[in-house]
Amino acid sequence: MPASRLVTNTKGGYPKKSLIGVYDKKIVCGQCEERFSPYDDYAASLLLHRAGEFEKIKNPETGQLGGYLIREYDYHLLKMFVIATLWRASVAEHEVYKRVKLGPFEERARDMLLNDAPGDPQEFGVLLFAWDVDYPVMMDPFLEEIFDVQTYRFYLGRYVAAIKVDNRPFPTELESCLLRPGQPCLLVLRHHAAAKDFQLALGLVRQHGGYLAKAFARME
C-alpha cells in the first residue's frame, strides 16, 4: 500500500510514511516513542501491510463491495494506537492539530496510556472506515457529532476513524459496530467520489451490527 499523501489547509504540514502523517517534535521524546511504538508498529502492520488479507463483504442485494472484516486482530494494541493518536493530537502544537482539544478527556487519555489500559468499547469508542481509492489522503482531524455524540474524525491514510470524546454512550444500534475485544473489526467502505453516499455500506452494516442510516448520513 502506498504511503499517505497529506492534504491540509494549514501551514507546516508535511508527508510522513505513517498512519498519523504529522507529528509535533515537542512531544516526540525517547520515552514517549518507546511507550507508543508497540501501538504504532502494530497498527501499521495490521492496517498497512495486512490490508490484502481482509475479508471482503459485499452487499447481498447488489453484489457490490461494502466493507471489510478483520476477524483476527489485537483489540488492546489497536485501541491503544487510537488513544495515543488522539492524545498526541491534543497536546501537539502543530497547526494540523489545532482543532483537537480534548479538555477533561485529555487527562483520561493520558492515564490510559500510562496504565496501558484500552478501556471498554464505549470509552473513546472507535468506528472505522476504509476508502475505496488507492491513493490515500490525510486531512486535519476535526470534531463532529454522530447521533448527537461528540467524536473526532481522524484521517489515517486509507482509513478514517471516528473516536468518541463524550460521556454519553453511542446508542445501542452502534455498539456492535464499535471496536470491541473478542469480535471482528468492521471497516465500512467509504466512496471517495461521493463521500456522502452510504447506501451500499448501509446494506452491509444492517447485516453486521444493525447500523442506522442516520449515523452515517452525518459522516460527510
N, C-alpha and C. Protein backbone atom coordinates (compact mmCIF):
# COMPACT_ATOMS: atom_id res chain seq x y z
N MET A 1 0.85 -1.19 0.00
CA MET A 1 0.00 0.00 0.00
C MET A 1 0.88 1.24 0.00
N PRO A 2 0.58 2.26 -0.83
CA PRO A 2 1.43 3.44 -0.92
C PRO A 2 1.40 4.27 0.34
N ALA A 3 2.44 5.09 0.53
CA ALA A 3 2.48 5.98 1.68
C ALA A 3 1.42 7.05 1.53
N SER A 4 0.98 7.62 2.65
CA SER A 4 -0.09 8.61 2.64
C SER A 4 0.37 9.91 2.03
N ARG A 5 -0.55 10.59 1.37
CA ARG A 5 -0.29 11.91 0.80
C ARG A 5 -1.06 12.92 1.61
N LEU A 6 -0.37 13.79 2.34
CA LEU A 6 -1.02 14.72 3.25
C LEU A 6 -1.63 15.89 2.49
N VAL A 7 -2.91 16.13 2.72
CA VAL A 7 -3.60 17.27 2.16
C VAL A 7 -4.19 18.06 3.31
N THR A 8 -3.78 19.33 3.44
CA THR A 8 -4.24 20.13 4.55
C THR A 8 -4.29 21.59 4.13
N ASN A 9 -5.15 22.36 4.81
CA ASN A 9 -5.23 23.79 4.51
C ASN A 9 -4.47 24.61 5.54
N THR A 10 -3.59 23.97 6.31
CA THR A 10 -2.78 24.67 7.30
C THR A 10 -1.32 24.63 6.89
N LYS A 11 -0.57 25.61 7.34
CA LYS A 11 0.84 25.69 7.01
C LYS A 11 1.65 24.76 7.89
N GLY A 12 2.73 24.25 7.34
CA GLY A 12 3.64 23.45 8.14
C GLY A 12 3.43 21.96 8.04
N GLY A 13 2.37 21.52 7.36
CA GLY A 13 2.13 20.10 7.21
C GLY A 13 3.12 19.50 6.23
N TYR A 14 3.50 18.26 6.47
CA TYR A 14 4.42 17.62 5.54
C TYR A 14 4.18 16.12 5.58
N PRO A 15 4.49 15.41 4.51
CA PRO A 15 4.20 13.98 4.45
C PRO A 15 5.16 13.17 5.32
N LYS A 16 4.66 12.08 5.82
CA LYS A 16 5.45 11.16 6.63
C LYS A 16 4.88 9.76 6.42
N LYS A 17 5.72 8.77 6.27
CA LYS A 17 5.24 7.42 6.00
C LYS A 17 4.75 6.76 7.28
N SER A 18 3.55 7.14 7.70
CA SER A 18 2.93 6.54 8.87
C SER A 18 1.44 6.75 8.76
N LEU A 19 0.69 6.11 9.67
CA LEU A 19 -0.74 6.31 9.68
C LEU A 19 -1.10 7.70 10.16
N ILE A 20 -0.32 8.25 11.06
CA ILE A 20 -0.64 9.54 11.65
C ILE A 20 -0.33 10.66 10.67
N GLY A 21 0.82 10.59 9.98
CA GLY A 21 1.13 11.54 8.94
C GLY A 21 1.94 12.73 9.39
N VAL A 22 1.60 13.35 10.52
CA VAL A 22 2.29 14.52 11.02
C VAL A 22 2.51 14.34 12.52
N TYR A 23 3.67 14.78 12.99
CA TYR A 23 3.89 14.74 14.43
C TYR A 23 4.53 16.04 14.86
N ASP A 24 4.42 16.32 16.15
CA ASP A 24 4.99 17.53 16.73
C ASP A 24 6.25 17.11 17.47
N LYS A 25 7.40 17.65 17.04
CA LYS A 25 8.67 17.25 17.64
C LYS A 25 8.74 17.52 19.13
N LYS A 26 7.94 18.45 19.63
CA LYS A 26 7.99 18.81 21.04
C LYS A 26 7.47 17.70 21.94
N ILE A 27 6.67 16.78 21.40
CA ILE A 27 6.16 15.70 22.24
C ILE A 27 6.76 14.35 21.88
N VAL A 28 7.62 14.32 20.88
CA VAL A 28 8.23 13.05 20.49
C VAL A 28 9.56 12.91 21.23
N CYS A 29 9.49 12.41 22.45
CA CYS A 29 10.69 12.17 23.24
C CYS A 29 10.99 10.68 23.22
N GLY A 30 12.19 10.32 23.66
CA GLY A 30 12.56 8.92 23.65
C GLY A 30 11.61 8.06 24.46
N GLN A 31 11.20 8.55 25.62
CA GLN A 31 10.30 7.79 26.48
C GLN A 31 8.94 7.61 25.82
N CYS A 32 8.44 8.68 25.19
CA CYS A 32 7.14 8.58 24.51
C CYS A 32 7.21 7.60 23.34
N GLU A 33 8.27 7.70 22.56
CA GLU A 33 8.42 6.82 21.42
C GLU A 33 8.48 5.36 21.85
N GLU A 34 9.20 5.12 22.94
CA GLU A 34 9.30 3.75 23.45
C GLU A 34 7.95 3.24 23.92
N ARG A 35 7.16 4.11 24.53
CA ARG A 35 5.85 3.70 25.04
C ARG A 35 4.86 3.47 23.90
N PHE A 36 4.90 4.35 22.89
CA PHE A 36 3.91 4.29 21.82
C PHE A 36 4.28 3.36 20.68
N SER A 37 5.55 3.05 20.53
CA SER A 37 6.00 2.31 19.35
C SER A 37 5.30 0.96 19.18
N PRO A 38 5.01 0.19 20.26
CA PRO A 38 4.30 -1.07 20.02
C PRO A 38 2.91 -0.85 19.42
N TYR A 39 2.24 0.23 19.82
CA TYR A 39 0.92 0.52 19.26
C TYR A 39 1.04 0.95 17.80
N ASP A 40 1.97 1.86 17.54
CA ASP A 40 2.15 2.35 16.17
C ASP A 40 2.58 1.22 15.24
N ASP A 41 3.52 0.41 15.71
CA ASP A 41 4.02 -0.68 14.87
C ASP A 41 2.90 -1.68 14.56
N TYR A 42 2.08 -1.97 15.57
CA TYR A 42 1.01 -2.94 15.35
C TYR A 42 -0.02 -2.39 14.36
N ALA A 43 -0.43 -1.13 14.55
CA ALA A 43 -1.41 -0.53 13.65
C ALA A 43 -0.89 -0.50 12.22
N ALA A 44 0.38 -0.15 12.04
CA ALA A 44 0.97 -0.13 10.70
C ALA A 44 0.99 -1.53 10.09
N SER A 45 1.36 -2.51 10.91
CA SER A 45 1.41 -3.89 10.42
C SER A 45 0.03 -4.38 10.01
N LEU A 46 -0.97 -4.08 10.84
CA LEU A 46 -2.33 -4.56 10.57
C LEU A 46 -2.97 -3.82 9.40
N LEU A 47 -2.98 -2.50 9.46
CA LEU A 47 -3.76 -1.71 8.52
C LEU A 47 -3.04 -1.42 7.21
N LEU A 48 -1.73 -1.43 7.23
CA LEU A 48 -0.98 -1.16 6.01
C LEU A 48 -0.52 -2.44 5.33
N HIS A 49 0.10 -3.31 6.08
CA HIS A 49 0.75 -4.47 5.47
C HIS A 49 -0.16 -5.69 5.34
N ARG A 50 -1.25 -5.74 6.09
CA ARG A 50 -2.14 -6.90 6.02
C ARG A 50 -3.46 -6.57 5.33
N ALA A 51 -3.56 -5.40 4.73
CA ALA A 51 -4.82 -4.97 4.13
C ALA A 51 -5.33 -5.96 3.08
N GLY A 52 -4.43 -6.59 2.37
CA GLY A 52 -4.84 -7.54 1.35
C GLY A 52 -5.46 -8.81 1.90
N GLU A 53 -5.33 -9.02 3.21
CA GLU A 53 -5.88 -10.22 3.84
C GLU A 53 -7.28 -10.01 4.38
N PHE A 54 -7.78 -8.76 4.39
CA PHE A 54 -9.08 -8.51 4.98
C PHE A 54 -10.19 -9.20 4.19
N GLU A 55 -11.18 -9.68 4.90
CA GLU A 55 -12.30 -10.36 4.26
C GLU A 55 -13.24 -9.33 3.63
N LYS A 56 -13.49 -9.48 2.34
CA LYS A 56 -14.38 -8.55 1.65
C LYS A 56 -15.83 -8.92 1.94
N ILE A 57 -16.65 -7.90 2.19
CA ILE A 57 -18.07 -8.11 2.44
C ILE A 57 -18.85 -7.35 1.37
N LYS A 58 -19.72 -8.06 0.69
CA LYS A 58 -20.48 -7.46 -0.40
C LYS A 58 -21.94 -7.29 -0.02
N ASN A 59 -22.55 -6.26 -0.60
CA ASN A 59 -23.97 -6.04 -0.40
C ASN A 59 -24.73 -7.23 -0.98
N PRO A 60 -25.56 -7.90 -0.19
CA PRO A 60 -26.24 -9.10 -0.69
C PRO A 60 -27.21 -8.82 -1.82
N GLU A 61 -27.68 -7.58 -1.95
CA GLU A 61 -28.65 -7.26 -2.99
C GLU A 61 -27.97 -6.86 -4.30
N THR A 62 -26.88 -6.12 -4.20
CA THR A 62 -26.23 -5.59 -5.41
C THR A 62 -24.94 -6.33 -5.76
N GLY A 63 -24.36 -7.01 -4.80
CA GLY A 63 -23.09 -7.68 -5.03
C GLY A 63 -21.90 -6.76 -4.98
N GLN A 64 -22.14 -5.48 -4.70
CA GLN A 64 -21.05 -4.52 -4.65
C GLN A 64 -20.37 -4.54 -3.28
N LEU A 65 -19.08 -4.21 -3.30
CA LEU A 65 -18.30 -4.20 -2.08
C LEU A 65 -18.82 -3.15 -1.12
N GLY A 66 -19.01 -3.55 0.13
CA GLY A 66 -19.50 -2.61 1.14
C GLY A 66 -18.54 -2.37 2.28
N GLY A 67 -17.53 -3.25 2.41
CA GLY A 67 -16.58 -3.07 3.50
C GLY A 67 -15.72 -4.30 3.69
N TYR A 68 -15.05 -4.34 4.84
CA TYR A 68 -14.13 -5.43 5.14
C TYR A 68 -14.29 -5.87 6.59
N LEU A 69 -13.96 -7.12 6.83
CA LEU A 69 -13.91 -7.65 8.19
C LEU A 69 -12.48 -8.10 8.49
N ILE A 70 -12.01 -7.75 9.68
CA ILE A 70 -10.74 -8.28 10.19
C ILE A 70 -11.13 -9.21 11.33
N ARG A 71 -11.07 -10.49 11.07
CA ARG A 71 -11.56 -11.45 12.08
C ARG A 71 -10.55 -11.67 13.21
N GLU A 72 -9.28 -11.57 12.91
CA GLU A 72 -8.25 -11.79 13.93
C GLU A 72 -7.41 -10.53 14.07
N TYR A 73 -7.47 -9.90 15.22
CA TYR A 73 -6.65 -8.72 15.48
C TYR A 73 -6.54 -8.53 16.98
N ASP A 74 -5.62 -7.68 17.41
CA ASP A 74 -5.39 -7.43 18.82
C ASP A 74 -6.11 -6.14 19.23
N TYR A 75 -7.24 -6.30 19.90
CA TYR A 75 -8.03 -5.13 20.32
C TYR A 75 -7.20 -4.20 21.18
N HIS A 76 -6.45 -4.77 22.10
CA HIS A 76 -5.67 -3.96 23.05
C HIS A 76 -4.71 -3.03 22.29
N LEU A 77 -3.92 -3.57 21.40
CA LEU A 77 -2.92 -2.77 20.71
C LEU A 77 -3.56 -1.76 19.75
N LEU A 78 -4.61 -2.17 19.04
CA LEU A 78 -5.22 -1.25 18.10
C LEU A 78 -5.95 -0.13 18.82
N LYS A 79 -6.64 -0.44 19.89
CA LYS A 79 -7.33 0.61 20.65
C LYS A 79 -6.32 1.57 21.29
N MET A 80 -5.21 1.04 21.79
CA MET A 80 -4.19 1.91 22.37
C MET A 80 -3.57 2.81 21.31
N PHE A 81 -3.42 2.31 20.09
CA PHE A 81 -2.94 3.17 19.00
C PHE A 81 -3.89 4.34 18.79
N VAL A 82 -5.19 4.07 18.81
CA VAL A 82 -6.18 5.13 18.62
C VAL A 82 -6.10 6.16 19.75
N ILE A 83 -6.01 5.68 20.98
CA ILE A 83 -5.94 6.60 22.12
C ILE A 83 -4.66 7.43 22.06
N ALA A 84 -3.54 6.78 21.70
CA ALA A 84 -2.27 7.51 21.59
C ALA A 84 -2.35 8.56 20.50
N THR A 85 -2.97 8.24 19.38
CA THR A 85 -3.13 9.20 18.29
C THR A 85 -3.96 10.40 18.75
N LEU A 86 -5.04 10.12 19.45
CA LEU A 86 -5.92 11.19 19.94
C LEU A 86 -5.20 12.08 20.94
N TRP A 87 -4.49 11.48 21.90
CA TRP A 87 -3.80 12.26 22.94
C TRP A 87 -2.67 13.10 22.33
N ARG A 88 -1.89 12.50 21.45
CA ARG A 88 -0.80 13.25 20.83
C ARG A 88 -1.32 14.45 20.05
N ALA A 89 -2.45 14.28 19.38
CA ALA A 89 -3.02 15.39 18.63
C ALA A 89 -3.47 16.51 19.56
N SER A 90 -3.98 16.15 20.72
CA SER A 90 -4.48 17.14 21.67
C SER A 90 -3.37 17.97 22.29
N VAL A 91 -2.23 17.34 22.58
CA VAL A 91 -1.14 18.06 23.24
C VAL A 91 -0.16 18.69 22.25
N ALA A 92 -0.27 18.33 20.98
CA ALA A 92 0.65 18.86 19.97
C ALA A 92 0.37 20.33 19.70
N GLU A 93 1.39 21.03 19.25
CA GLU A 93 1.25 22.43 18.88
C GLU A 93 1.26 22.62 17.37
N HIS A 94 1.36 21.54 16.62
CA HIS A 94 1.37 21.63 15.16
C HIS A 94 0.02 22.14 14.67
N GLU A 95 0.06 22.97 13.62
CA GLU A 95 -1.16 23.59 13.09
C GLU A 95 -2.19 22.56 12.63
N VAL A 96 -1.71 21.42 12.15
CA VAL A 96 -2.64 20.41 11.67
C VAL A 96 -3.61 19.97 12.75
N TYR A 97 -3.17 20.01 14.02
CA TYR A 97 -3.99 19.50 15.11
C TYR A 97 -4.65 20.60 15.93
N LYS A 98 -4.72 21.82 15.39
CA LYS A 98 -5.22 22.93 16.18
C LYS A 98 -6.68 22.79 16.57
N ARG A 99 -7.43 21.95 15.85
CA ARG A 99 -8.85 21.78 16.17
C ARG A 99 -9.11 20.63 17.15
N VAL A 100 -8.06 19.97 17.58
CA VAL A 100 -8.23 18.86 18.52
C VAL A 100 -7.94 19.34 19.93
N LYS A 101 -8.98 19.51 20.72
CA LYS A 101 -8.87 19.96 22.10
C LYS A 101 -9.73 19.04 22.96
N LEU A 102 -9.09 18.18 23.71
CA LEU A 102 -9.82 17.17 24.46
C LEU A 102 -10.37 17.66 25.79
N GLY A 103 -9.85 18.78 26.30
CA GLY A 103 -10.34 19.27 27.58
C GLY A 103 -10.13 18.23 28.68
N PRO A 104 -11.17 17.92 29.47
CA PRO A 104 -11.02 16.95 30.55
C PRO A 104 -10.71 15.54 30.08
N PHE A 105 -10.99 15.24 28.81
CA PHE A 105 -10.70 13.91 28.29
C PHE A 105 -9.20 13.71 28.03
N GLU A 106 -8.45 14.80 27.97
CA GLU A 106 -7.02 14.68 27.73
C GLU A 106 -6.33 13.96 28.88
N GLU A 107 -6.68 14.30 30.11
CA GLU A 107 -6.07 13.65 31.26
C GLU A 107 -6.45 12.17 31.32
N ARG A 108 -7.71 11.87 30.98
CA ARG A 108 -8.14 10.48 30.99
C ARG A 108 -7.37 9.67 29.94
N ALA A 109 -7.20 10.23 28.76
CA ALA A 109 -6.44 9.53 27.72
C ALA A 109 -4.99 9.32 28.17
N ARG A 110 -4.42 10.32 28.83
CA ARG A 110 -3.05 10.20 29.33
C ARG A 110 -2.94 9.08 30.37
N ASP A 111 -3.91 9.01 31.28
CA ASP A 111 -3.90 7.96 32.30
C ASP A 111 -4.01 6.58 31.67
N MET A 112 -4.82 6.44 30.65
CA MET A 112 -4.97 5.16 29.97
C MET A 112 -3.68 4.76 29.28
N LEU A 113 -2.97 5.74 28.74
CA LEU A 113 -1.68 5.44 28.11
C LEU A 113 -0.64 5.04 29.15
N LEU A 114 -0.61 5.76 30.26
CA LEU A 114 0.35 5.44 31.31
C LEU A 114 0.11 4.05 31.90
N ASN A 115 -1.16 3.64 31.94
CA ASN A 115 -1.51 2.36 32.52
C ASN A 115 -1.71 1.26 31.49
N ASP A 116 -1.46 1.59 30.21
CA ASP A 116 -1.63 0.62 29.13
C ASP A 116 -3.00 -0.04 29.21
N ALA A 117 -4.03 0.81 29.38
CA ALA A 117 -5.40 0.32 29.59
C ALA A 117 -6.31 0.84 28.48
N PRO A 118 -6.80 -0.03 27.60
CA PRO A 118 -7.62 0.41 26.47
C PRO A 118 -9.06 0.76 26.83
N GLY A 119 -9.50 0.40 28.02
CA GLY A 119 -10.87 0.71 28.42
C GLY A 119 -11.89 -0.17 27.72
N ASP A 120 -13.17 0.08 28.02
CA ASP A 120 -14.22 -0.70 27.38
C ASP A 120 -14.54 -0.09 26.01
N PRO A 121 -15.34 -0.77 25.19
CA PRO A 121 -15.58 -0.29 23.83
C PRO A 121 -16.20 1.09 23.73
N GLN A 122 -16.94 1.52 24.77
CA GLN A 122 -17.59 2.82 24.71
C GLN A 122 -16.66 3.96 25.11
N GLU A 123 -15.63 3.69 25.89
CA GLU A 123 -14.71 4.74 26.30
C GLU A 123 -13.74 5.04 25.15
N PHE A 124 -13.79 6.26 24.65
CA PHE A 124 -13.10 6.61 23.41
C PHE A 124 -13.47 5.59 22.32
N GLY A 125 -14.76 5.31 22.24
CA GLY A 125 -15.26 4.33 21.28
C GLY A 125 -14.85 4.66 19.85
N VAL A 126 -14.58 3.62 19.05
CA VAL A 126 -13.99 3.80 17.71
C VAL A 126 -14.86 3.14 16.65
N LEU A 127 -15.21 3.92 15.63
CA LEU A 127 -15.81 3.41 14.41
C LEU A 127 -14.78 3.59 13.30
N LEU A 128 -14.58 2.55 12.48
CA LEU A 128 -13.55 2.59 11.44
C LEU A 128 -14.15 2.49 10.04
N PHE A 129 -13.55 3.23 9.11
CA PHE A 129 -13.98 3.25 7.72
C PHE A 129 -12.76 3.07 6.83
N ALA A 130 -12.98 2.56 5.62
CA ALA A 130 -11.90 2.40 4.65
C ALA A 130 -12.30 3.06 3.34
N TRP A 131 -11.37 3.85 2.76
CA TRP A 131 -11.64 4.48 1.48
C TRP A 131 -11.56 3.44 0.35
N ASP A 132 -12.20 3.76 -0.75
CA ASP A 132 -12.21 2.85 -1.91
C ASP A 132 -11.17 3.25 -2.95
N VAL A 133 -10.20 4.08 -2.58
CA VAL A 133 -9.20 4.55 -3.53
C VAL A 133 -7.81 4.01 -3.17
N ASP A 134 -6.91 4.01 -4.15
CA ASP A 134 -5.56 3.51 -3.95
C ASP A 134 -4.56 4.62 -3.64
N TYR A 135 -5.01 5.85 -3.56
CA TYR A 135 -4.11 6.97 -3.25
C TYR A 135 -4.60 7.61 -1.95
N PRO A 136 -4.16 7.09 -0.81
CA PRO A 136 -4.64 7.59 0.48
C PRO A 136 -4.35 9.07 0.68
N VAL A 137 -5.28 9.77 1.28
CA VAL A 137 -5.16 11.20 1.54
C VAL A 137 -5.44 11.45 3.00
N MET A 138 -4.63 12.31 3.62
CA MET A 138 -4.84 12.67 5.02
C MET A 138 -5.18 14.14 5.12
N MET A 139 -6.12 14.46 6.01
CA MET A 139 -6.51 15.84 6.25
C MET A 139 -6.60 16.09 7.75
N ASP A 140 -6.76 17.34 8.10
CA ASP A 140 -6.76 17.73 9.51
C ASP A 140 -7.92 17.07 10.25
N PRO A 141 -7.70 16.54 11.44
CA PRO A 141 -8.81 16.00 12.24
C PRO A 141 -9.71 17.11 12.75
N PHE A 142 -10.98 16.77 12.98
CA PHE A 142 -11.91 17.78 13.47
C PHE A 142 -13.04 17.13 14.26
N LEU A 143 -13.75 17.96 15.03
CA LEU A 143 -14.84 17.50 15.88
C LEU A 143 -16.14 17.47 15.09
N GLU A 144 -16.93 16.41 15.32
CA GLU A 144 -18.25 16.29 14.69
C GLU A 144 -19.15 15.48 15.61
N GLU A 145 -20.41 15.37 15.23
CA GLU A 145 -21.37 14.61 16.03
C GLU A 145 -21.91 13.44 15.23
N ILE A 146 -22.04 12.30 15.92
CA ILE A 146 -22.72 11.13 15.38
C ILE A 146 -23.79 10.78 16.38
N PHE A 147 -25.05 10.83 15.97
CA PHE A 147 -26.16 10.62 16.90
C PHE A 147 -26.05 11.55 18.10
N ASP A 148 -25.67 12.79 17.86
CA ASP A 148 -25.54 13.81 18.90
C ASP A 148 -24.43 13.50 19.90
N VAL A 149 -23.57 12.55 19.58
CA VAL A 149 -22.42 12.20 20.43
C VAL A 149 -21.17 12.81 19.81
N GLN A 150 -20.38 13.51 20.62
CA GLN A 150 -19.18 14.17 20.12
C GLN A 150 -18.09 13.15 19.75
N THR A 151 -17.56 13.31 18.55
CA THR A 151 -16.46 12.45 18.10
C THR A 151 -15.44 13.30 17.35
N TYR A 152 -14.21 12.81 17.31
CA TYR A 152 -13.19 13.42 16.46
C TYR A 152 -12.98 12.51 15.26
N ARG A 153 -12.95 13.12 14.08
CA ARG A 153 -12.67 12.35 12.87
C ARG A 153 -11.18 12.49 12.54
N PHE A 154 -10.50 11.34 12.45
CA PHE A 154 -9.09 11.30 12.09
C PHE A 154 -8.93 10.58 10.76
N TYR A 155 -8.13 11.18 9.87
CA TYR A 155 -7.80 10.56 8.60
C TYR A 155 -6.47 9.82 8.77
N LEU A 156 -6.51 8.51 8.52
CA LEU A 156 -5.35 7.66 8.73
C LEU A 156 -4.99 6.95 7.43
N GLY A 157 -4.57 7.72 6.45
CA GLY A 157 -4.19 7.11 5.18
C GLY A 157 -5.40 6.57 4.45
N ARG A 158 -5.48 5.26 4.30
CA ARG A 158 -6.61 4.62 3.64
C ARG A 158 -7.82 4.48 4.55
N TYR A 159 -7.72 4.97 5.77
CA TYR A 159 -8.77 4.75 6.75
C TYR A 159 -9.23 6.06 7.40
N VAL A 160 -10.42 6.00 7.97
CA VAL A 160 -10.96 7.10 8.76
C VAL A 160 -11.43 6.52 10.08
N ALA A 161 -11.07 7.17 11.17
CA ALA A 161 -11.51 6.75 12.49
C ALA A 161 -12.38 7.83 13.11
N ALA A 162 -13.55 7.45 13.60
CA ALA A 162 -14.40 8.34 14.38
C ALA A 162 -14.23 7.92 15.84
N ILE A 163 -13.67 8.81 16.66
CA ILE A 163 -13.32 8.49 18.05
C ILE A 163 -14.20 9.28 19.00
N LYS A 164 -14.92 8.61 19.85
CA LYS A 164 -15.87 9.26 20.76
C LYS A 164 -15.14 10.00 21.87
N VAL A 165 -15.50 11.26 22.10
CA VAL A 165 -14.99 12.05 23.22
C VAL A 165 -16.20 12.67 23.92
N ASP A 166 -16.95 11.82 24.57
CA ASP A 166 -18.22 12.22 25.15
C ASP A 166 -18.55 11.23 26.27
N ASN A 167 -19.10 11.73 27.37
CA ASN A 167 -19.51 10.83 28.45
C ASN A 167 -20.76 10.04 28.09
N ARG A 168 -21.51 10.54 27.14
CA ARG A 168 -22.69 9.82 26.68
C ARG A 168 -22.26 8.66 25.79
N PRO A 169 -22.89 7.51 25.93
CA PRO A 169 -22.51 6.37 25.10
C PRO A 169 -23.08 6.49 23.69
N PHE A 170 -22.46 5.80 22.76
CA PHE A 170 -23.09 5.62 21.47
C PHE A 170 -24.38 4.83 21.68
N PRO A 171 -25.41 5.05 20.87
CA PRO A 171 -26.65 4.29 21.02
C PRO A 171 -26.43 2.80 20.77
N THR A 172 -27.35 2.01 21.26
CA THR A 172 -27.21 0.55 21.15
C THR A 172 -27.07 0.09 19.71
N GLU A 173 -27.65 0.85 18.76
CA GLU A 173 -27.56 0.46 17.35
C GLU A 173 -26.13 0.43 16.85
N LEU A 174 -25.24 1.17 17.52
CA LEU A 174 -23.86 1.23 17.07
C LEU A 174 -22.91 0.37 17.90
N GLU A 175 -23.37 -0.12 19.03
CA GLU A 175 -22.47 -0.83 19.95
C GLU A 175 -21.74 -1.98 19.28
N SER A 176 -22.46 -2.79 18.51
CA SER A 176 -21.83 -3.96 17.92
C SER A 176 -20.90 -3.60 16.77
N CYS A 177 -20.91 -2.34 16.33
CA CYS A 177 -20.04 -1.90 15.25
C CYS A 177 -18.77 -1.24 15.77
N LEU A 178 -18.71 -1.00 17.07
CA LEU A 178 -17.51 -0.40 17.65
C LEU A 178 -16.37 -1.41 17.67
N LEU A 179 -15.16 -0.88 17.75
CA LEU A 179 -14.00 -1.73 18.01
C LEU A 179 -14.23 -2.41 19.35
N ARG A 180 -14.24 -3.75 19.37
CA ARG A 180 -14.59 -4.49 20.58
C ARG A 180 -13.68 -5.69 20.75
N PRO A 181 -13.31 -6.01 21.99
CA PRO A 181 -12.48 -7.20 22.21
C PRO A 181 -13.25 -8.46 21.91
N GLY A 182 -12.57 -9.41 21.29
CA GLY A 182 -13.19 -10.70 21.01
C GLY A 182 -14.16 -10.71 19.85
N GLN A 183 -14.28 -9.60 19.11
CA GLN A 183 -15.19 -9.51 17.99
C GLN A 183 -14.45 -9.02 16.75
N PRO A 184 -14.90 -9.41 15.55
CA PRO A 184 -14.24 -8.91 14.34
C PRO A 184 -14.29 -7.40 14.25
N CYS A 185 -13.30 -6.83 13.61
CA CYS A 185 -13.25 -5.40 13.37
C CYS A 185 -13.90 -5.12 12.01
N LEU A 186 -14.89 -4.24 12.01
CA LEU A 186 -15.60 -3.90 10.78
C LEU A 186 -15.06 -2.60 10.20
N LEU A 187 -14.70 -2.62 8.93
CA LEU A 187 -14.28 -1.43 8.20
C LEU A 187 -15.32 -1.14 7.13
N VAL A 188 -16.10 -0.09 7.32
CA VAL A 188 -17.15 0.26 6.37
C VAL A 188 -16.54 1.02 5.21
N LEU A 189 -16.88 0.64 3.98
CA LEU A 189 -16.30 1.27 2.80
C LEU A 189 -16.87 2.67 2.62
N ARG A 190 -15.97 3.61 2.36
CA ARG A 190 -16.36 4.98 2.05
C ARG A 190 -15.95 5.29 0.62
N HIS A 191 -16.84 5.93 -0.11
CA HIS A 191 -16.62 6.19 -1.53
C HIS A 191 -16.05 7.58 -1.73
N HIS A 192 -14.83 7.62 -2.28
CA HIS A 192 -14.13 8.89 -2.46
C HIS A 192 -14.87 9.83 -3.40
N ALA A 193 -15.49 9.29 -4.44
CA ALA A 193 -16.16 10.13 -5.42
C ALA A 193 -17.46 10.73 -4.90
N ALA A 194 -18.04 10.08 -3.91
CA ALA A 194 -19.30 10.56 -3.33
C ALA A 194 -19.31 10.20 -1.86
N ALA A 195 -18.59 11.00 -1.07
CA ALA A 195 -18.36 10.65 0.33
C ALA A 195 -19.63 10.57 1.14
N LYS A 196 -20.71 11.23 0.70
CA LYS A 196 -21.95 11.19 1.46
C LYS A 196 -22.81 9.99 1.10
N ASP A 197 -22.38 9.22 0.11
CA ASP A 197 -23.18 8.09 -0.35
C ASP A 197 -22.87 6.86 0.50
N PHE A 198 -23.74 6.56 1.46
CA PHE A 198 -23.54 5.41 2.34
C PHE A 198 -24.56 4.30 2.07
N GLN A 199 -25.28 4.38 0.96
CA GLN A 199 -26.33 3.41 0.72
C GLN A 199 -25.80 1.98 0.60
N LEU A 200 -24.67 1.82 -0.10
CA LEU A 200 -24.09 0.48 -0.22
C LEU A 200 -23.63 -0.04 1.13
N ALA A 201 -22.99 0.84 1.90
CA ALA A 201 -22.49 0.42 3.20
C ALA A 201 -23.61 0.09 4.17
N LEU A 202 -24.73 0.78 4.04
CA LEU A 202 -25.82 0.56 4.99
C LEU A 202 -26.42 -0.83 4.86
N GLY A 203 -26.49 -1.33 3.63
CA GLY A 203 -26.97 -2.69 3.46
C GLY A 203 -26.06 -3.68 4.15
N LEU A 204 -24.75 -3.41 4.09
CA LEU A 204 -23.76 -4.25 4.75
C LEU A 204 -23.91 -4.21 6.26
N VAL A 205 -23.96 -3.01 6.83
CA VAL A 205 -23.92 -2.91 8.28
C VAL A 205 -25.21 -3.36 8.93
N ARG A 206 -26.30 -3.38 8.19
CA ARG A 206 -27.52 -3.93 8.77
C ARG A 206 -27.35 -5.43 9.04
N GLN A 207 -26.50 -6.06 8.24
CA GLN A 207 -26.20 -7.47 8.46
C GLN A 207 -25.19 -7.65 9.57
N HIS A 208 -24.27 -6.71 9.71
CA HIS A 208 -23.17 -6.84 10.65
C HIS A 208 -23.24 -5.75 11.71
N GLY A 209 -24.29 -5.75 12.50
CA GLY A 209 -24.33 -4.87 13.65
C GLY A 209 -25.53 -3.95 13.74
N GLY A 210 -26.36 -3.85 12.69
CA GLY A 210 -27.57 -3.06 12.79
C GLY A 210 -27.35 -1.56 12.84
N TYR A 211 -26.48 -1.02 12.01
CA TYR A 211 -26.31 0.43 11.95
C TYR A 211 -27.61 1.08 11.46
N LEU A 212 -27.84 2.30 11.88
CA LEU A 212 -28.93 3.09 11.34
C LEU A 212 -28.38 4.06 10.31
N ALA A 213 -29.16 4.31 9.27
CA ALA A 213 -28.71 5.19 8.20
C ALA A 213 -28.35 6.57 8.72
N LYS A 214 -29.04 7.01 9.73
CA LYS A 214 -28.82 8.37 10.25
C LYS A 214 -27.40 8.56 10.75
N ALA A 215 -26.81 7.51 11.33
CA ALA A 215 -25.48 7.61 11.89
C ALA A 215 -24.46 7.95 10.82
N PHE A 216 -24.59 7.33 9.65
CA PHE A 216 -23.59 7.52 8.60
C PHE A 216 -23.92 8.66 7.68
N ALA A 217 -25.18 9.06 7.64
CA ALA A 217 -25.55 10.21 6.82
C ALA A 217 -24.86 11.46 7.33
N ARG A 218 -24.49 11.47 8.61
CA ARG A 218 -23.84 12.62 9.20
C ARG A 218 -22.32 12.58 9.02
N MET A 219 -21.79 11.46 8.53
CA MET A 219 -20.35 11.36 8.28
C MET A 219 -20.09 11.80 6.85
N GLU A 220 -19.83 13.06 6.65
CA GLU A 220 -19.66 13.59 5.29
C GLU A 220 -18.42 13.02 4.63
